[in-house]
Amino acid sequence: MKKLLVALSASLALFTAGASAHGPATAVHGGVVQTAADLQFELVAGQDGVAMYVVDHGKPADSSRLSGKLTVLNGTEKTESELKPAGANRLQATNVRVGKGAKVVAMIRGTGDTPVTLRFAMP
């Protein structure tokens, strides 16, 4: 009976250690982070638009094959803009303003067979 308890305790310890292996997503550029398709997407609002940084398991992901559409809801105002590659791991949407409390939906193509949809709530 004691051997069974020891074996059970050891196996539970292994499973709980693996569950926290990735940890929470952290914002490197001061934005809001969402995870989908094994990638982290950080949305950062700026003066001239929105930047979205893409990270794959802690390393900058190649964004040259990615594209998408950004929809921003600022209260009752709805704005749409195309997301285009703008650097090593960055997508850029211009002519869009993201205010406090805005809701943002991003649809990203190029991550696989189906587009990835992300939802952000800006603080």
Protein backbone atom coordinates (compact mmCIF):
# COMPACT_ATOMS: atom_id res chain seq x y z
CA MET A 1 0.00 0.00 0.00
CA LYS A 2 2.83 2.40 0.86
CA LYS A 3 4.57 1.67 -2.45
CA LEU A 4 1.36 2.49 -4.31
CA LEU A 5 1.02 5.84 -2.50
CA VAL A 6 4.64 6.73 -3.24
CA ALA A 7 4.24 5.85 -6.93
CA LEU A 8 0.99 7.82 -7.17
CA SER A 9 2.53 10.85 -5.46
CA ALA A 10 5.54 10.78 -7.78
CA SER A 11 3.39 10.58 -10.91
CA LEU A 12 1.18 13.46 -9.74
CA ALA A 13 4.26 15.58 -9.11
CA LEU A 14 5.43 14.98 -12.68
CA PHE A 15 2.07 15.95 -14.18
CA THR A 16 1.76 19.19 -12.20
CA ALA A 17 5.30 20.25 -13.15
CA GLY A 18 4.48 19.90 -16.86
CA ALA A 19 1.28 21.90 -16.60
CA SER A 20 3.12 25.10 -15.73
CA ALA A 21 5.98 24.68 -18.19
CA HIS A 22 5.02 27.55 -20.51
CA GLY A 23 3.91 30.05 -17.88
CA PRO A 24 1.85 33.15 -18.53
CA ALA A 25 2.32 35.25 -21.64
CA THR A 26 4.22 38.46 -20.92
CA ALA A 27 4.05 41.73 -22.85
CA VAL A 28 7.55 42.67 -24.01
CA HIS A 29 6.54 45.88 -25.83
CA GLY A 30 3.95 47.16 -23.34
CA GLY A 31 0.91 45.84 -25.19
CA VAL A 32 -1.76 43.20 -24.67
CA VAL A 33 -0.89 39.53 -25.34
CA GLN A 34 -3.04 36.69 -26.69
CA THR A 35 -1.93 33.18 -27.60
CA ALA A 36 -3.23 31.11 -30.53
CA ALA A 37 -1.85 28.40 -32.84
CA ASP A 38 1.20 27.99 -30.56
CA LEU A 39 2.14 31.63 -31.20
CA GLN A 40 1.99 34.71 -28.97
CA PHE A 41 0.59 37.90 -30.47
CA GLU A 42 1.24 41.22 -28.70
CA LEU A 43 -0.92 44.15 -29.80
CA VAL A 44 0.68 47.57 -29.21
CA ALA A 45 -1.23 50.79 -29.92
CA GLY A 46 0.85 53.69 -31.21
CA GLN A 47 0.43 57.21 -32.56
CA ASP A 48 0.42 56.14 -36.22
CA GLY A 49 -1.46 52.85 -35.91
CA VAL A 50 -1.07 49.45 -34.35
CA ALA A 51 1.87 47.06 -34.23
CA MET A 52 1.45 43.35 -33.61
CA TYR A 53 4.53 41.39 -32.52
CA VAL A 54 4.57 37.63 -33.14
CA VAL A 55 6.59 35.26 -30.93
CA ASP A 56 7.01 31.51 -31.36
CA HIS A 57 8.04 29.73 -28.14
CA GLY A 58 9.95 32.75 -26.84
CA LYS A 59 11.69 33.58 -30.12
CA PRO A 60 10.70 36.18 -32.74
CA ALA A 61 8.59 34.54 -35.45
CA ASP A 62 9.01 35.25 -39.16
CA SER A 63 6.10 37.54 -40.04
CA SER A 64 6.95 37.87 -43.75
CA ARG A 65 4.32 35.22 -44.69
CA LEU A 66 1.65 36.62 -42.37
CA SER A 67 -1.11 39.08 -43.20
CA GLY A 68 -4.49 39.90 -41.79
CA LYS A 69 -7.26 42.30 -40.96
CA LEU A 70 -7.73 44.38 -37.82
CA THR A 71 -11.16 45.52 -36.65
CA VAL A 72 -11.26 48.12 -33.87
CA LEU A 73 -14.35 49.06 -31.88
CA ASN A 74 -13.89 52.38 -30.05
CA GLY A 75 -17.30 52.73 -28.39
CA THR A 76 -19.73 52.91 -31.33
CA GLU A 77 -17.00 53.73 -33.89
CA LYS A 78 -15.80 50.79 -36.01
CA THR A 79 -12.54 50.96 -37.99
CA GLU A 80 -10.89 48.30 -40.17
CA SER A 81 -7.33 48.15 -41.44
CA GLU A 82 -5.06 45.62 -43.13
CA LEU A 83 -2.21 44.05 -41.14
CA LYS A 84 0.97 43.86 -43.22
CA PRO A 85 4.50 42.60 -42.46
CA ALA A 86 6.70 45.40 -41.12
CA GLY A 87 9.90 43.81 -39.88
CA ALA A 88 11.28 40.57 -38.51
CA ASN A 89 8.40 39.61 -36.22
CA ARG A 90 6.03 42.55 -36.61
CA LEU A 91 2.79 43.27 -38.43
CA GLN A 92 1.59 46.87 -38.85
CA ALA A 93 -1.86 48.42 -39.33
CA THR A 94 -1.94 52.10 -40.24
CA ASN A 95 -4.74 54.67 -40.18
CA VAL A 96 -6.39 53.09 -37.16
CA ARG A 97 -6.77 54.51 -33.65
CA VAL A 98 -7.09 52.32 -30.56
CA GLY A 99 -8.36 54.13 -27.48
CA LYS A 100 -8.71 53.08 -23.86
CA GLY A 101 -11.33 50.38 -23.46
CA ALA A 102 -11.37 49.58 -27.18
CA LYS A 103 -12.14 46.07 -28.38
CA VAL A 104 -9.88 44.75 -31.13
CA VAL A 105 -10.35 41.68 -33.31
CA ALA A 106 -7.45 40.48 -35.47
CA MET A 107 -7.78 37.83 -38.17
CA ILE A 108 -4.33 36.50 -39.14
CA ARG A 109 -3.63 34.45 -42.29
CA GLY A 110 -0.50 32.42 -42.95
CA THR A 111 -0.21 30.48 -39.68
CA GLY A 112 -1.66 27.28 -41.13
CA ASP A 113 -4.65 26.00 -43.08
CA THR A 114 -7.23 28.19 -41.33
CA PRO A 115 -6.96 31.84 -40.26
CA VAL A 116 -6.41 32.61 -36.58
CA THR A 117 -8.82 34.98 -34.84
CA LEU A 118 -7.65 36.94 -31.80
CA ARG A 119 -9.65 39.20 -29.49
CA PHE A 120 -8.05 41.95 -27.42
CA ALA A 121 -9.53 44.29 -24.80
CA MET A 122 -7.38 47.38 -24.39
CA PRO A 123 -6.89 48.68 -20.84
